[in-house]
PDB file of N, CA and C in Angstrom:
ATOM      1  N   MET A   1     -13.572 -25.861  80.933  1.00  0.00           N
ATOM      2  CA  MET A   1     -13.126 -26.746  81.602  1.00  0.00           C
ATOM      3  C   MET A   1     -13.668 -25.654  83.208  1.00  0.00           C
ATOM      4  N   GLN A   2     -13.625 -23.716  82.217  1.00  0.00           N
ATOM      5  CA  GLN A   2     -13.828 -23.242  83.475  1.00  0.00           C
ATOM      6  C   GLN A   2     -15.504 -22.870  83.197  1.00  0.00           C
ATOM      7  N   VAL A   3     -15.328 -23.256  81.900  1.00  0.00           N
ATOM      8  CA  VAL A   3     -17.332 -23.021  82.070  1.00  0.00           C
ATOM      9  C   VAL A   3     -17.991 -23.131  82.467  1.00  0.00           C
ATOM     10  N   ALA A   4     -17.627 -24.852  82.173  1.00  0.00           N
ATOM     11  CA  ALA A   4     -17.731 -25.961  83.187  1.00  0.00           C
ATOM     12  C   ALA A   4     -17.962 -25.616  84.721  1.00  0.00           C
ATOM     13  N   ALA A   5     -16.999 -25.171  85.004  1.00  0.00           N
ATOM     14  CA  ALA A   5     -17.142 -24.983  86.986  1.00  0.00           C
ATOM     15  C   ALA A   5     -17.941 -23.302  87.030  1.00  0.00           C
ATOM     16  N   GLY A   6     -18.113 -23.018  86.481  1.00  0.00           N
ATOM     17  CA  GLY A   6     -19.378 -22.139  86.772  1.00  0.00           C
ATOM     18  C   GLY A   6     -19.225 -20.621  86.558  1.00  0.00           C
ATOM     19  N   ASP A   7     -17.564 -20.816  85.122  1.00  0.00           N
ATOM     20  CA  ASP A   7     -17.742 -19.465  85.150  1.00  0.00           C
ATOM     21  C   ASP A   7     -17.885 -19.052  83.374  1.00  0.00           C
ATOM     22  N   GLU A   8     -18.030 -17.579  83.220  1.00  0.00           N
ATOM     23  CA  GLU A   8     -18.976 -17.007  82.347  1.00  0.00           C
ATOM     24  C   GLU A   8     -17.868 -17.673  81.760  1.00  0.00           C
ATOM     25  N   LEU A   9     -18.678 -16.978  79.772  1.00  0.00           N
ATOM     26  CA  LEU A   9     -18.093 -17.120  78.549  1.00  0.00           C
ATOM     27  C   LEU A   9     -17.212 -16.182  78.540  1.00  0.00           C
ATOM     28  N   PRO A  10     -16.650 -15.578  77.855  1.00  0.00           N
ATOM     29  CA  PRO A  10     -15.586 -13.924  77.715  1.00  0.00           C
ATOM     30  C   PRO A  10     -16.272 -13.696  76.346  1.00  0.00           C
ATOM     31  N   VAL A  11     -16.693 -14.087  74.943  1.00  0.00           N
ATOM     32  CA  VAL A  11     -17.976 -13.144  74.974  1.00  0.00           C
ATOM     33  C   VAL A  11     -19.266 -14.267  74.674  1.00  0.00           C
ATOM     34  N   LEU A  12     -20.342 -13.537  74.772  1.00  0.00           N
ATOM     35  CA  LEU A  12     -21.846 -13.310  73.674  1.00  0.00           C
ATOM     36  C   LEU A  12     -21.414 -13.871  72.776  1.00  0.00           C
ATOM     37  N   GLN A  13     -22.531 -15.434  72.717  1.00  0.00           N
ATOM     38  CA  GLN A  13     -23.199 -15.152  71.404  1.00  0.00           C
ATOM     39  C   GLN A  13     -22.843 -14.607  70.203  1.00  0.00           C
ATOM     40  N   ASP A  14     -24.506 -13.334  70.255  1.00  0.00           N
ATOM     41  CA  ASP A  14     -24.000 -12.304  69.412  1.00  0.00           C
ATOM     42  C   ASP A  14     -22.785 -11.714  69.069  1.00  0.00           C
ATOM     43  N   GLN A  15     -21.269 -11.759  69.926  1.00  0.00           N
ATOM     44  CA  GLN A  15     -20.423 -10.654  69.835  1.00  0.00           C
ATOM     45  C   GLN A  15     -19.506 -12.257  68.936  1.00  0.00           C
ATOM     46  N   LEU A  16     -19.741 -13.291  68.152  1.00  0.00           N
ATOM     47  CA  LEU A  16     -18.846 -13.826  67.231  1.00  0.00           C
ATOM     48  C   LEU A  16     -19.322 -13.517  65.875  1.00  0.00           C
ATOM     49  N   THR A  17     -18.024 -14.111  65.479  1.00  0.00           N
ATOM     50  CA  THR A  17     -18.892 -14.151  63.673  1.00  0.00           C
ATOM     51  C   THR A  17     -18.410 -15.426  63.542  1.00  0.00           C
ATOM     52  N   VAL A  18     -19.374 -15.606  62.369  1.00  0.00           N
ATOM     53  CA  VAL A  18     -18.449 -16.715  61.045  1.00  0.00           C
ATOM     54  C   VAL A  18     -17.381 -16.726  60.727  1.00  0.00           C
ATOM     55  N   ASN A  19     -16.151 -17.042  60.153  1.00  0.00           N
ATOM     56  CA  ASN A  19     -15.141 -16.991  59.536  1.00  0.00           C
ATOM     57  C   ASN A  19     -14.541 -18.412  58.513  1.00  0.00           C
ATOM     58  N   GLY A  20     -15.249 -18.726  57.537  1.00  0.00           N
ATOM     59  CA  GLY A  20     -15.207 -20.726  57.335  1.00  0.00           C
ATOM     60  C   GLY A  20     -16.080 -20.799  56.977  1.00  0.00           C
ATOM     61  N   HIS A  21     -15.780 -22.323  57.502  1.00  0.00           N
ATOM     62  CA  HIS A  21     -16.293 -23.181  57.461  1.00  0.00           C
ATOM     63  C   HIS A  21     -14.924 -24.661  57.360  1.00  0.00           C
ATOM     64  N   ALA A  22     -16.010 -25.848  58.004  1.00  0.00           N
ATOM     65  CA  ALA A  22     -15.231 -27.497  58.322  1.00  0.00           C
ATOM     66  C   ALA A  22     -15.974 -28.218  57.700  1.00  0.00           C
ATOM     67  N   PHE A  23     -15.530 -29.405  57.256  1.00  0.00           N
ATOM     68  CA  PHE A  23     -16.145 -30.487  56.985  1.00  0.00           C
ATOM     69  C   PHE A  23     -15.635 -31.692  57.591  1.00  0.00           C
ATOM     70  N   GLU A  24     -15.530 -32.520  58.491  1.00  0.00           N
ATOM     71  CA  GLU A  24     -15.555 -33.733  58.780  1.00  0.00           C
ATOM     72  C   GLU A  24     -15.427 -35.148  58.167  1.00  0.00           C
ATOM     73  N   ALA A  25     -15.038 -35.893  57.634  1.00  0.00           N
ATOM     74  CA  ALA A  25     -15.438 -37.623  57.105  1.00  0.00           C
ATOM     75  C   ALA A  25     -14.854 -38.397  58.099  1.00  0.00           C
ATOM     76  N   ARG A  26     -15.512 -39.075  58.508  1.00  0.00           N
ATOM     77  CA  ARG A  26     -14.726 -40.745  58.492  1.00  0.00           C
ATOM     78  C   ARG A  26     -14.860 -41.400  57.854  1.00  0.00           C
ATOM     79  N   VAL A  27     -13.393 -42.953  56.825  1.00  0.00           N
ATOM     80  CA  VAL A  27     -13.773 -43.888  57.108  1.00  0.00           C
ATOM     81  C   VAL A  27     -13.608 -45.147  57.361  1.00  0.00           C
ATOM     82  N   TYR A  28     -14.956 -45.872  56.984  1.00  0.00           N
ATOM     83  CA  TYR A  28     -15.755 -47.051  58.190  1.00  0.00           C
ATOM     84  C   TYR A  28     -14.943 -48.495  57.509  1.00  0.00           C
ATOM     85  N   ALA A  29     -14.332 -49.126  57.511  1.00  0.00           N
ATOM     86  CA  ALA A  29     -13.966 -50.597  57.245  1.00  0.00           C
ATOM     87  C   ALA A  29     -15.238 -51.412  57.205  1.00  0.00           C
ATOM     88  N   GLU A  30     -16.009 -51.592  56.881  1.00  0.00           N
ATOM     89  CA  GLU A  30     -17.046 -53.115  56.582  1.00  0.00           C
ATOM     90  C   GLU A  30     -17.053 -53.800  55.708  1.00  0.00           C
ATOM     91  N   ASP A  31     -17.269 -55.491  56.399  1.00  0.00           N
ATOM     92  CA  ASP A  31     -16.942 -56.375  55.244  1.00  0.00           C
ATOM     93  C   ASP A  31     -18.605 -57.032  55.363  1.00  0.00           C
ATOM     94  N   PRO A  32     -19.323 -56.300  53.889  1.00  0.00           N
ATOM     95  CA  PRO A  32     -20.596 -56.781  53.285  1.00  0.00           C
ATOM     96  C   PRO A  32     -20.593 -58.063  53.704  1.00  0.00           C
ATOM     97  N   ASP A  33     -19.877 -59.207  53.078  1.00  0.00           N
ATOM     98  CA  ASP A  33     -20.001 -61.099  53.376  1.00  0.00           C
ATOM     99  C   ASP A  33     -20.306 -60.861  54.916  1.00  0.00           C
ATOM    100  N   ASP A  34     -20.555 -59.721  55.379  1.00  0.00           N
ATOM    101  CA  ASP A  34     -19.944 -60.167  57.210  1.00  0.00           C
ATOM    102  C   ASP A  34     -20.885 -60.199  58.190  1.00  0.00           C
ATOM    103  N   ASN A  35     -22.347 -59.075  57.209  1.00  0.00           N
ATOM    104  CA  ASN A  35     -23.299 -57.946  58.154  1.00  0.00           C
ATOM    105  C   ASN A  35     -23.168 -57.537  58.295  1.00  0.00           C
ATOM    106  N   PHE A  36     -22.189 -56.680  57.726  1.00  0.00           N
ATOM    107  CA  PHE A  36     -21.210 -55.233  57.602  1.00  0.00           C
ATOM    108  C   PHE A  36     -20.788 -55.247  59.297  1.00  0.00           C
ATOM    109  N   MET A  37     -20.221 -56.228  59.948  1.00  0.00           N
ATOM    110  CA  MET A  37     -19.264 -56.613  60.743  1.00  0.00           C
ATOM    111  C   MET A  37     -17.509 -55.043  60.238  1.00  0.00           C
ATOM    112  N   PRO A  38     -17.337 -54.891  61.673  1.00  0.00           N
ATOM    113  CA  PRO A  38     -15.972 -54.198  60.917  1.00  0.00           C
ATOM    114  C   PRO A  38     -15.006 -55.251  60.286  1.00  0.00           C
ATOM    115  N   GLY A  39     -14.587 -53.969  59.237  1.00  0.00           N
ATOM    116  CA  GLY A  39     -13.556 -54.973  59.356  1.00  0.00           C
ATOM    117  C   GLY A  39     -11.966 -54.694  59.579  1.00  0.00           C
ATOM    118  N   ALA A  40     -10.667 -55.207  58.930  1.00  0.00           N
ATOM    119  CA  ALA A  40      -9.328 -54.634  58.724  1.00  0.00           C
ATOM    120  C   ALA A  40      -8.901 -54.730  57.470  1.00  0.00           C
ATOM    121  N   GLY A  41      -7.894 -53.887  56.863  1.00  0.00           N
ATOM    122  CA  GLY A  41      -7.528 -54.897  56.362  1.00  0.00           C
ATOM    123  C   GLY A  41      -6.101 -53.756  55.094  1.00  0.00           C
ATOM    124  N   PRO A  42      -5.101 -54.200  54.202  1.00  0.00           N
ATOM    125  CA  PRO A  42      -4.520 -52.969  53.860  1.00  0.00           C
ATOM    126  C   PRO A  42      -5.969 -52.018  52.722  1.00  0.00           C
ATOM    127  N   LEU A  43      -5.639 -50.677  52.980  1.00  0.00           N
ATOM    128  CA  LEU A  43      -5.579 -49.701  52.773  1.00  0.00           C
ATOM    129  C   LEU A  43      -5.282 -49.206  51.039  1.00  0.00           C
ATOM    130  N   HIS A  44      -5.521 -49.415  49.700  1.00  0.00           N
ATOM    131  CA  HIS A  44      -4.547 -49.665  48.891  1.00  0.00           C
ATOM    132  C   HIS A  44      -5.501 -48.474  47.453  1.00  0.00           C
ATOM    133  N   TYR A  45      -6.761 -47.214  47.912  1.00  0.00           N
ATOM    134  CA  TYR A  45      -6.431 -46.596  46.960  1.00  0.00           C
ATOM    135  C   TYR A  45      -6.617 -45.260  48.785  1.00  0.00           C
ATOM    136  N   LEU A  46      -6.188 -44.793  48.051  1.00  0.00           N
ATOM    137  CA  LEU A  46      -6.940 -42.770  49.312  1.00  0.00           C
ATOM    138  C   LEU A  46      -6.143 -41.817  48.397  1.00  0.00           C
ATOM    139  N   ALA A  47      -7.383 -40.726  48.231  1.00  0.00           N
ATOM    140  CA  ALA A  47      -6.788 -39.786  47.127  1.00  0.00           C
ATOM    141  C   ALA A  47      -7.764 -38.493  48.411  1.00  0.00           C
ATOM    142  N   THR A  48      -7.259 -36.765  48.186  1.00  0.00           N
ATOM    143  CA  THR A  48      -7.218 -36.183  49.089  1.00  0.00           C
ATOM    144  C   THR A  48      -7.265 -34.578  48.606  1.00  0.00           C
ATOM    145  N   PRO A  49      -7.696 -33.657  48.835  1.00  0.00           N
ATOM    146  CA  PRO A  49      -7.035 -32.227  48.692  1.00  0.00           C
ATOM    147  C   PRO A  49      -5.812 -32.068  48.563  1.00  0.00           C
ATOM    148  N   THR A  50      -5.229 -31.148  47.491  1.00  0.00           N
ATOM    149  CA  THR A  50      -3.755 -31.325  48.287  1.00  0.00           C
ATOM    150  C   THR A  50      -3.842 -29.676  48.686  1.00  0.00           C
ATOM    151  N   PRO A  51      -3.338 -29.736  49.843  1.00  0.00           N
ATOM    152  CA  PRO A  51      -3.176 -28.786  50.834  1.00  0.00           C
ATOM    153  C   PRO A  51      -2.880 -27.014  50.458  1.00  0.00           C
ATOM    154  N   ARG A  52      -3.983 -26.495  50.579  1.00  0.00           N
ATOM    155  CA  ARG A  52      -3.258 -25.153  50.621  1.00  0.00           C
ATOM    156  C   ARG A  52      -3.169 -24.330  51.884  1.00  0.00           C
ATOM    157  N   HIS A  53      -3.346 -22.826  51.743  1.00  0.00           N
ATOM    158  CA  HIS A  53      -3.053 -21.751  52.454  1.00  0.00           C
ATOM    159  C   HIS A  53      -4.375 -22.456  53.145  1.00  0.00           C
ATOM    160  N   ASP A  54      -5.523 -22.477  52.654  1.00  0.00           N
ATOM    161  CA  ASP A  54      -6.912 -22.706  52.985  1.00  0.00           C
ATOM    162  C   ASP A  54      -7.606 -22.896  52.908  1.00  0.00           C
ATOM    163  N   LEU A  55      -6.573 -24.804  53.368  1.00  0.00           N
ATOM    164  CA  LEU A  55      -7.284 -25.710  53.113  1.00  0.00           C
ATOM    165  C   LEU A  55      -6.142 -27.190  53.729  1.00  0.00           C
ATOM    166  N   ARG A  56      -6.489 -27.162  54.951  1.00  0.00           N
ATOM    167  CA  ARG A  56      -5.623 -28.493  55.572  1.00  0.00           C
ATOM    168  C   ARG A  56      -6.110 -29.728  55.762  1.00  0.00           C
ATOM    169  N   ILE A  57      -5.815 -30.562  55.147  1.00  0.00           N
ATOM    170  CA  ILE A  57      -6.130 -31.800  55.676  1.00  0.00           C
ATOM    171  C   ILE A  57      -5.670 -32.338  56.758  1.00  0.00           C
ATOM    172  N   GLU A  58      -6.071 -33.586  57.671  1.00  0.00           N
ATOM    173  CA  GLU A  58      -5.783 -34.023  58.057  1.00  0.00           C
ATOM    174  C   GLU A  58      -5.524 -35.760  58.290  1.00  0.00           C
ATOM    175  N   SER A  59      -5.084 -36.451  58.531  1.00  0.00           N
ATOM    176  CA  SER A  59      -5.209 -37.929  57.939  1.00  0.00           C
ATOM    177  C   SER A  59      -4.678 -38.898  59.027  1.00  0.00           C
ATOM    178  N   GLY A  60      -5.330 -40.315  59.733  1.00  0.00           N
ATOM    179  CA  GLY A  60      -4.572 -41.127  60.107  1.00  0.00           C
ATOM    180  C   GLY A  60      -3.791 -42.106  59.342  1.00  0.00           C
ATOM    181  N   VAL A  61      -4.396 -41.616  57.854  1.00  0.00           N
ATOM    182  CA  VAL A  61      -3.905 -43.528  57.158  1.00  0.00           C
ATOM    183  C   VAL A  61      -3.662 -42.572  56.184  1.00  0.00           C
ATOM    184  N   ARG A  62      -2.794 -43.389  55.274  1.00  0.00           N
ATOM    185  CA  ARG A  62      -1.891 -43.334  54.470  1.00  0.00           C
ATOM    186  C   ARG A  62      -2.114 -44.623  53.597  1.00  0.00           C
ATOM    187  N   GLN A  63      -1.831 -44.068  52.397  1.00  0.00           N
ATOM    188  CA  GLN A  63      -2.480 -44.971  51.694  1.00  0.00           C
ATOM    189  C   GLN A  63      -0.742 -46.606  51.509  1.00  0.00           C
ATOM    190  N   GLY A  64      -1.495 -47.761  50.865  1.00  0.00           N
ATOM    191  CA  GLY A  64      -0.971 -48.675  50.466  1.00  0.00           C
ATOM    192  C   GLY A  64      -0.352 -49.149  51.332  1.00  0.00           C
ATOM    193  N   GLY A  65      -0.384 -50.471  51.348  1.00  0.00           N
ATOM    194  CA  GLY A  65      -0.416 -51.921  52.522  1.00  0.00           C
ATOM    195  C   GLY A  65       0.069 -51.399  54.379  1.00  0.00           C
ATOM    196  N   TRP A  66      -0.962 -50.655  54.219  1.00  0.00           N
ATOM    197  CA  TRP A  66      -1.118 -50.342  55.714  1.00  0.00           C
ATOM    198  C   TRP A  66      -2.659 -51.177  56.184  1.00  0.00           C
ATOM    199  N   ASN A  67      -2.140 -51.735  57.154  1.00  0.00           N
ATOM    200  CA  ASN A  67      -3.824 -52.473  58.033  1.00  0.00           C
ATOM    201  C   ASN A  67      -4.401 -51.746  58.460  1.00  0.00           C
ATOM    202  N   TYR A  68      -6.040 -51.129  58.056  1.00  0.00           N
ATOM    203  CA  TYR A  68      -6.993 -49.383  58.182  1.00  0.00           C
ATOM    204  C   TYR A  68      -7.386 -50.681  59.017  1.00  0.00           C
ATOM    205  N   ASN A  69      -7.796 -49.773  60.185  1.00  0.00           N
ATOM    206  CA  ASN A  69      -9.035 -51.280  61.928  1.00  0.00           C
ATOM    207  C   ASN A  69      -9.905 -49.230  62.334  1.00  0.00           C
ATOM    208  N   VAL A  70     -10.752 -49.721  61.587  1.00  0.00           N
ATOM    209  CA  VAL A  70     -11.453 -48.641  62.407  1.00  0.00           C
ATOM    210  C   VAL A  70     -11.544 -48.129  63.460  1.00  0.00           C
ATOM    211  N   LEU A  71     -11.899 -49.945  64.254  1.00  0.00           N
ATOM    212  CA  LEU A  71     -11.554 -49.469  65.769  1.00  0.00           C
ATOM    213  C   LEU A  71     -10.312 -49.282  66.858  1.00  0.00           C
ATOM    214  N   HIS A  72      -9.083 -50.235  65.710  1.00  0.00           N
ATOM    215  CA  HIS A  72      -8.056 -48.805  66.689  1.00  0.00           C
ATOM    216  C   HIS A  72      -8.045 -46.817  66.302  1.00  0.00           C
TER     217      HIS A  72
END
């Protein structure tokens, strides 16, 4: 917000270093029998890697009976 208000960044681009990486994936529920319109229903299977000190898994869903709806 401060930068958007016109304040300067605290560091320059060439002062930044790369430390790791990130990957993001989104799951969409679409109905192929209905022109791939968004659909909702139970999430029967979900597998993620086991979290470690160098791996974080963030998910708003869990496997089993939950009605997944991508629009919510």
